[in-house]
Protein backbone atom coordinates (compact mmCIF):
# COMPACT_ATOMS: atom_id res chain seq x y z
CA MET A 1 -175.45 146.89 -5.87
CA ASN A 2 -172.53 149.44 -5.00
CA GLN A 3 -168.85 147.53 -7.27
CA GLN A 4 -166.81 148.84 -4.64
CA LYS A 5 -168.50 146.93 -1.72
CA ILE A 6 -166.87 143.41 -3.62
CA LYS A 7 -163.78 142.27 -2.33
CA ILE A 8 -161.89 139.36 -3.35
CA ILE A 9 -160.06 137.63 -1.28
CA THR A 10 -157.88 134.07 -0.58
CA TYR A 11 -160.71 131.23 0.41
CA ASN A 12 -160.06 131.09 3.99
CA PRO A 13 -161.57 128.01 6.32
CA GLU A 14 -163.30 131.01 8.40
CA TYR A 15 -165.98 130.81 5.53
CA ALA A 16 -165.92 127.00 4.91
CA GLU A 17 -169.77 127.17 6.30
CA GLN A 18 -170.99 130.44 4.37
CA THR A 19 -168.83 129.24 1.13
CA VAL A 20 -170.98 125.83 1.44
CA LYS A 21 -174.28 126.76 1.76
CA MET A 22 -173.95 129.72 -1.25
CA TRP A 23 -172.21 126.85 -3.29
CA ARG A 24 -174.83 124.60 -2.75
CA ASP A 25 -177.73 127.22 -3.27
CA SER A 26 -176.47 128.47 -6.14
CA LYS A 27 -175.68 124.89 -7.60
CA GLU A 28 -179.37 123.57 -6.87
CA LYS A 29 -181.12 126.25 -8.16
CA ALA A 30 -179.03 125.79 -11.37
CA ILE A 31 -179.79 122.00 -12.05
CA GLY A 32 -182.92 121.79 -10.32
CA LYS A 33 -181.25 118.66 -7.96
CA LYS A 34 -180.09 118.50 -4.79
CA GLU A 35 -176.66 117.98 -3.81
CA ALA A 36 -175.35 114.51 -3.37
CA HIS A 37 -173.01 115.00 -0.45
CA ASN A 38 -173.78 116.14 2.92
CA PHE A 39 -172.89 119.71 4.04
CA GLU A 40 -170.13 118.57 6.10
CA ASN A 41 -168.33 116.20 3.50
CA GLN A 42 -169.07 119.07 1.32
CA VAL A 43 -167.16 121.23 3.51
CA TYR A 44 -164.32 119.04 4.25
CA PHE A 45 -163.72 118.70 0.50
CA LEU A 46 -163.63 122.30 0.26
CA ASN A 47 -161.12 122.66 3.04
CA HIS A 48 -158.70 119.56 2.28
CA ILE A 49 -159.33 118.05 -1.18
CA LEU A 50 -160.07 121.09 -3.46
CA SER A 51 -157.70 123.47 -1.99
CA GLU A 52 -154.74 121.16 -2.37
CA GLN A 53 -155.28 121.16 -6.13
CA PHE A 54 -156.80 124.52 -7.11
CA GLN A 55 -156.68 128.68 -6.25
CA ILE A 56 -159.38 129.39 -3.83
CA GLU A 57 -161.03 133.17 -4.16
CA VAL A 58 -164.14 134.12 -2.12
CA ALA A 59 -166.09 137.54 -3.45
CA LEU A 60 -167.25 139.19 0.02
CA ILE A 61 -169.85 141.73 0.67
CA GLY A 62 -168.65 142.95 3.98
CA ASP A 63 -168.24 139.80 6.12
CA ASN A 64 -170.82 138.11 3.86
CA VAL A 65 -169.47 135.07 1.17
CA VAL A 66 -171.69 136.34 -2.68
CA GLY A 67 -168.80 133.83 -4.98
CA MET A 68 -166.42 131.84 -4.48
CA ILE A 69 -163.93 130.47 -7.77
CA ALA A 70 -161.28 127.23 -7.89
CA TYR A 71 -158.73 127.58 -9.98
CA ASN A 72 -155.44 126.75 -11.50
CA LYS A 73 -153.08 127.64 -14.53
CA THR A 74 -154.98 125.52 -16.65
CA GLU A 75 -158.89 124.64 -15.59
CA ILE A 76 -161.53 126.26 -13.55
CA SER A 77 -163.43 123.67 -10.83
CA GLN A 78 -165.60 125.53 -8.84
CA LEU A 79 -167.43 129.25 -9.78
CA TYR A 80 -170.91 130.15 -7.71
CA ILE A 81 -172.86 132.89 -7.27
CA HIS A 82 -174.92 133.79 -4.74
CA LEU A 83 -178.55 133.45 -5.85
CA ASP A 84 -179.26 136.80 -4.63
CA TYR A 85 -175.91 138.40 -5.96
CA GLN A 86 -175.81 137.33 -10.10
CA GLY A 87 -175.77 139.42 -12.61
CA ILE A 88 -173.89 142.50 -10.91
CA GLY A 89 -170.45 141.11 -12.02
CA ILE A 90 -169.02 139.34 -9.17
CA GLY A 91 -168.83 135.99 -12.03
CA GLN A 92 -166.80 138.74 -13.70
CA LYS A 93 -164.62 139.88 -11.73
CA LEU A 94 -163.92 136.08 -10.35
CA LEU A 95 -163.27 134.69 -13.59
CA ASP A 96 -160.79 137.71 -14.87
CA LYS A 97 -158.99 136.53 -11.32
CA ALA A 98 -158.38 132.80 -12.58
CA LYS A 99 -157.91 134.47 -16.44
CA LYS A 100 -155.44 136.31 -15.03
CA HIS A 101 -153.62 133.70 -13.41
CA SER A 102 -153.70 130.79 -16.13
CA ASN A 103 -151.41 130.03 -19.22
CA GLY A 104 -153.21 131.62 -21.26
CA ARG A 105 -155.78 128.61 -21.55
CA LEU A 106 -158.71 127.38 -19.37
CA THR A 107 -161.05 124.81 -19.16
CA LEU A 108 -164.51 123.88 -17.52
CA TYR A 109 -167.50 121.57 -17.23
CA THR A 110 -171.06 123.07 -16.56
CA PHE A 111 -174.32 121.30 -16.77
CA GLU A 112 -176.44 121.49 -20.11
CA VAL A 113 -179.39 122.47 -18.03
CA ASN A 114 -177.14 125.33 -16.70
CA LYS A 115 -178.49 127.70 -19.79
CA LYS A 116 -176.95 131.02 -17.63
CA ALA A 117 -173.89 129.47 -16.81
CA GLN A 118 -173.56 128.46 -20.29
CA ARG A 119 -174.29 132.25 -21.75
CA PHE A 120 -172.34 133.63 -18.76
CA TYR A 121 -169.26 131.32 -20.20
CA GLU A 122 -169.53 132.03 -23.82
CA LYS A 123 -170.32 135.90 -23.45
CA HIS A 124 -166.85 135.68 -21.85
CA GLY A 125 -164.97 134.37 -24.90
CA PHE A 126 -165.18 130.46 -23.92
CA LYS A 127 -166.25 127.76 -26.86
CA ILE A 128 -167.25 124.49 -26.63
CA ILE A 129 -165.24 121.93 -26.93
CA GLY A 130 -166.80 118.98 -25.78
CA ARG A 131 -169.66 117.00 -24.04
CA GLY A 132 -170.43 114.33 -22.03
CA HIS A 133 -171.66 113.38 -18.83
CA GLU A 134 -169.11 111.94 -16.30
CA ASN A 135 -169.93 113.57 -13.32
CA GLU A 136 -171.45 112.26 -9.78
CA GLU A 137 -174.69 113.77 -10.70
CA ASN A 138 -174.65 111.83 -13.89
CA LEU A 139 -176.15 115.04 -16.21
CA PRO A 140 -175.57 116.23 -19.27
CA ASP A 141 -172.68 118.37 -19.09
CA ILE A 142 -170.54 120.54 -21.87
CA GLN A 143 -166.50 121.45 -21.54
CA TYR A 144 -165.98 124.37 -22.28
CA GLU A 145 -162.38 126.39 -23.42
CA TRP A 146 -160.78 130.00 -23.18
CA ILE A 147 -157.62 130.55 -25.52
CA THR A 148 -156.40 134.06 -24.46
CA LYS A 149 -156.04 135.99 -28.12
C-alpha cells in the first residue's frame, strides 16, 4: 500500500455513513460483539455528540474512509481502522496527530479482549493505569496513559 495515498482530514458529515460502517465493523471484529446502538443512532452520536467534545479526523484513501480518531487535548475517545487497512501505519498517523495536539498527556480505554489494540498502544508508548468495566458493552477494559518525553 502506497503511504502517499493516505490523506488525513478533519471529519465532515458527508463521510458519516462510511465512517460509522467502518467503525462498527472494526469494533465488532475487535471485541466479538455486535454494536449495541443502531446505525442511525451512531451517525447521530458521531455528528452531534462526539463532534461537540472531540476533534474528529478521518483517514482517506481516495474517497474511502479507512480510519478515524476522536480526541481532545487529554483523551482519545475513539480510534478505529478499517479491517482491510490495519497494520499499514494509518493508526500511527492518527495517533501521532492526537499526540501532537495534546497537552503532553493522553488517556484512553480499550477492551481487555482487544489484544491487538493493547499491543498497538503499548508499542506507541502507552502504559496501563487502570482496569474496569464501566462501559456500555459491560466488558472488562483497560485504561492507558501516554506522557510525552
